[in-house]
């Protein structure tokens, strides 16, 4: 997948745990864990908005585009 989710990095910088973020955002621990572990296939804008508000960050701090074709050409 070309999009990496760096939620774990932003959470570590803000020193906030999954349970606290779940309480602030109103998203289940299971769903946040999927995002944190870069296993998500999609994210709602409302969820992204709530996460950015809770972590005082921009969407670009959490989402990162990585060109898959450059990785394939190296193999």
N, C-alpha and C. Protein backbone atom coordinates (compact mmCIF):
# COMPACT_ATOMS: atom_id res chain seq x y z
N UNK A 1 0.84 -1.18 0.00
CA UNK A 1 0.00 0.00 0.00
C UNK A 1 0.88 1.24 0.00
N UNK A 2 0.46 2.27 -0.67
CA UNK A 2 1.25 3.48 -0.84
C UNK A 2 1.11 4.49 0.29
N UNK A 3 0.15 4.30 1.18
CA UNK A 3 -0.07 5.24 2.27
C UNK A 3 0.34 4.58 3.58
N UNK A 4 1.25 5.20 4.29
CA UNK A 4 1.65 4.75 5.63
C UNK A 4 0.95 5.61 6.66
N UNK A 5 0.54 4.98 7.74
CA UNK A 5 -0.11 5.69 8.84
C UNK A 5 0.90 5.76 9.98
N UNK A 6 1.28 6.96 10.33
CA UNK A 6 2.30 7.19 11.36
C UNK A 6 1.68 7.61 12.69
N UNK A 7 0.52 7.06 13.00
CA UNK A 7 -0.16 7.42 14.24
C UNK A 7 0.69 7.09 15.46
N UNK A 8 1.37 5.96 15.43
CA UNK A 8 2.21 5.56 16.57
C UNK A 8 3.32 6.58 16.83
N UNK A 9 3.87 7.16 15.78
CA UNK A 9 4.94 8.15 15.92
C UNK A 9 4.40 9.42 16.58
N UNK A 10 3.26 9.89 16.07
CA UNK A 10 2.66 11.12 16.61
C UNK A 10 2.23 10.90 18.06
N UNK A 11 1.67 9.73 18.34
CA UNK A 11 1.27 9.43 19.72
C UNK A 11 2.48 9.41 20.65
N UNK A 12 3.57 8.84 20.21
CA UNK A 12 4.79 8.80 21.04
C UNK A 12 5.32 10.21 21.30
N UNK A 13 5.31 11.05 20.27
CA UNK A 13 5.78 12.44 20.43
C UNK A 13 4.91 13.20 21.43
N UNK A 14 3.61 12.91 21.44
CA UNK A 14 2.67 13.60 22.33
C UNK A 14 2.55 12.90 23.69
N UNK A 15 3.22 11.74 23.81
CA UNK A 15 3.18 10.95 25.04
C UNK A 15 1.75 10.65 25.47
N UNK A 16 1.00 10.09 24.54
CA UNK A 16 -0.38 9.73 24.81
C UNK A 16 -0.56 8.26 24.45
N UNK A 17 -1.28 7.56 25.30
CA UNK A 17 -1.51 6.14 25.07
C UNK A 17 -2.78 5.90 24.27
N UNK A 18 -2.96 4.67 23.86
CA UNK A 18 -4.09 4.29 23.04
C UNK A 18 -5.41 4.48 23.79
N UNK A 19 -5.44 4.13 25.06
CA UNK A 19 -6.68 4.26 25.84
C UNK A 19 -7.08 5.72 25.99
N UNK A 20 -6.12 6.58 26.28
CA UNK A 20 -6.42 8.01 26.43
C UNK A 20 -6.89 8.61 25.11
N UNK A 21 -6.22 8.25 24.02
CA UNK A 21 -6.64 8.76 22.71
C UNK A 21 -8.03 8.25 22.36
N UNK A 22 -8.31 7.01 22.66
CA UNK A 22 -9.62 6.44 22.39
C UNK A 22 -10.71 7.22 23.13
N UNK A 23 -10.45 7.55 24.37
CA UNK A 23 -11.41 8.33 25.16
C UNK A 23 -11.63 9.72 24.57
N UNK A 24 -10.55 10.37 24.15
CA UNK A 24 -10.65 11.72 23.59
C UNK A 24 -11.33 11.75 22.23
N UNK A 25 -11.09 10.72 21.43
CA UNK A 25 -11.56 10.71 20.04
C UNK A 25 -12.93 10.06 19.91
N UNK A 26 -13.25 9.13 20.80
CA UNK A 26 -14.51 8.42 20.69
C UNK A 26 -14.48 7.30 19.66
N UNK A 27 -13.30 6.71 19.48
CA UNK A 27 -13.10 5.59 18.57
C UNK A 27 -12.64 4.41 19.43
N UNK A 28 -13.10 3.22 19.08
CA UNK A 28 -12.76 2.05 19.90
C UNK A 28 -11.26 1.78 19.89
N UNK A 29 -10.81 1.13 20.95
CA UNK A 29 -9.41 0.73 21.03
C UNK A 29 -9.02 -0.16 19.86
N UNK A 30 -9.91 -1.06 19.47
CA UNK A 30 -9.63 -1.97 18.36
C UNK A 30 -9.38 -1.20 17.06
N UNK A 31 -10.24 -0.22 16.78
CA UNK A 31 -10.07 0.55 15.54
C UNK A 31 -8.82 1.43 15.58
N UNK A 32 -8.52 2.02 16.73
CA UNK A 32 -7.30 2.82 16.83
C UNK A 32 -6.06 1.93 16.72
N UNK A 33 -6.14 0.74 17.26
CA UNK A 33 -5.02 -0.19 17.17
C UNK A 33 -4.75 -0.57 15.71
N UNK A 34 -5.80 -0.77 14.94
CA UNK A 34 -5.65 -1.06 13.51
C UNK A 34 -4.94 0.09 12.81
N UNK A 35 -5.34 1.32 13.13
CA UNK A 35 -4.68 2.49 12.55
C UNK A 35 -3.22 2.58 13.01
N UNK A 36 -3.02 2.42 14.31
CA UNK A 36 -1.68 2.56 14.88
C UNK A 36 -0.70 1.55 14.28
N UNK A 37 -1.19 0.35 13.99
CA UNK A 37 -0.33 -0.70 13.46
C UNK A 37 -0.28 -0.73 11.94
N UNK A 38 -0.78 0.34 11.32
CA UNK A 38 -0.72 0.51 9.86
C UNK A 38 -1.43 -0.63 9.12
N UNK A 39 -2.52 -1.13 9.70
CA UNK A 39 -3.30 -2.21 9.08
C UNK A 39 -4.59 -1.71 8.45
N UNK A 40 -4.90 -0.44 8.61
CA UNK A 40 -6.17 0.11 8.11
C UNK A 40 -6.17 0.20 6.59
N UNK A 41 -7.33 -0.03 6.00
CA UNK A 41 -7.50 0.11 4.56
C UNK A 41 -8.18 1.44 4.22
N UNK A 42 -8.80 2.06 5.22
CA UNK A 42 -9.51 3.32 5.01
C UNK A 42 -9.65 4.04 6.35
N UNK A 43 -9.91 5.34 6.28
CA UNK A 43 -10.17 6.13 7.49
C UNK A 43 -11.19 7.19 7.12
N UNK A 44 -12.16 7.39 7.97
CA UNK A 44 -13.16 8.43 7.75
C UNK A 44 -12.54 9.78 8.06
N UNK A 45 -12.97 10.78 7.29
CA UNK A 45 -12.47 12.13 7.55
C UNK A 45 -12.86 12.59 8.96
N UNK A 46 -14.02 12.19 9.44
CA UNK A 46 -14.44 12.60 10.79
C UNK A 46 -13.51 12.00 11.84
N UNK A 47 -13.05 10.77 11.61
CA UNK A 47 -12.10 10.14 12.53
C UNK A 47 -10.75 10.84 12.46
N UNK A 48 -10.29 11.12 11.25
CA UNK A 48 -9.02 11.83 11.07
C UNK A 48 -9.09 13.20 11.72
N UNK A 49 -10.21 13.89 11.56
CA UNK A 49 -10.41 15.20 12.16
C UNK A 49 -10.32 15.11 13.69
N UNK A 50 -11.00 14.13 14.28
CA UNK A 50 -10.98 13.96 15.73
C UNK A 50 -9.59 13.63 16.25
N UNK A 51 -8.87 12.78 15.52
CA UNK A 51 -7.50 12.42 15.92
C UNK A 51 -6.59 13.64 15.86
N UNK A 52 -6.70 14.42 14.79
CA UNK A 52 -5.87 15.62 14.65
C UNK A 52 -6.17 16.63 15.74
N UNK A 53 -7.45 16.78 16.11
CA UNK A 53 -7.80 17.69 17.20
C UNK A 53 -7.21 17.21 18.52
N UNK A 54 -7.34 15.92 18.79
CA UNK A 54 -6.86 15.37 20.06
C UNK A 54 -5.34 15.42 20.17
N UNK A 55 -4.65 15.25 19.04
CA UNK A 55 -3.18 15.23 19.05
C UNK A 55 -2.56 16.56 18.65
N UNK A 56 -3.40 17.54 18.33
CA UNK A 56 -2.93 18.86 17.90
C UNK A 56 -1.91 18.72 16.77
N UNK A 57 -2.35 18.08 15.68
CA UNK A 57 -1.46 17.84 14.55
C UNK A 57 -2.22 18.02 13.24
N UNK A 58 -1.53 17.89 12.15
CA UNK A 58 -2.10 17.98 10.81
C UNK A 58 -2.25 16.57 10.24
N UNK A 59 -3.18 16.37 9.30
CA UNK A 59 -3.32 15.05 8.67
C UNK A 59 -2.01 14.54 8.08
N UNK A 60 -1.20 15.43 7.55
CA UNK A 60 0.08 15.04 6.97
C UNK A 60 1.08 14.52 7.99
N UNK A 61 0.85 14.81 9.27
CA UNK A 61 1.70 14.25 10.32
C UNK A 61 1.39 12.77 10.53
N UNK A 62 0.16 12.39 10.20
CA UNK A 62 -0.30 11.02 10.42
C UNK A 62 -0.21 10.18 9.14
N UNK A 63 -0.56 10.78 8.01
CA UNK A 63 -0.58 10.05 6.74
C UNK A 63 0.63 10.43 5.89
N UNK A 64 1.25 9.42 5.30
CA UNK A 64 2.45 9.64 4.48
C UNK A 64 2.35 8.81 3.21
N UNK A 65 2.58 9.44 2.07
CA UNK A 65 2.59 8.73 0.79
C UNK A 65 3.99 8.18 0.54
N UNK A 66 4.06 6.91 0.18
CA UNK A 66 5.32 6.26 -0.16
C UNK A 66 5.15 5.64 -1.54
N UNK A 67 6.04 5.95 -2.45
CA UNK A 67 5.96 5.44 -3.82
C UNK A 67 6.35 3.97 -3.85
N UNK A 68 5.37 3.10 -4.07
CA UNK A 68 5.61 1.66 -4.11
C UNK A 68 6.49 1.25 -5.29
N UNK A 69 6.40 1.96 -6.40
CA UNK A 69 7.16 1.56 -7.58
C UNK A 69 8.66 1.70 -7.36
N UNK A 70 9.08 2.65 -6.55
CA UNK A 70 10.51 2.80 -6.29
C UNK A 70 11.03 1.61 -5.47
N UNK A 71 10.18 1.07 -4.61
CA UNK A 71 10.56 -0.10 -3.79
C UNK A 71 10.64 -1.34 -4.68
N UNK A 72 9.73 -1.48 -5.63
CA UNK A 72 9.72 -2.65 -6.51
C UNK A 72 10.93 -2.69 -7.43
N UNK A 73 11.37 -1.51 -7.88
CA UNK A 73 12.50 -1.47 -8.81
C UNK A 73 13.82 -1.81 -8.10
N UNK A 74 13.86 -1.71 -6.77
CA UNK A 74 15.07 -2.02 -6.02
C UNK A 74 15.20 -3.53 -5.75
N UNK A 75 14.09 -4.25 -5.86
CA UNK A 75 14.11 -5.69 -5.56
C UNK A 75 14.63 -6.51 -6.70
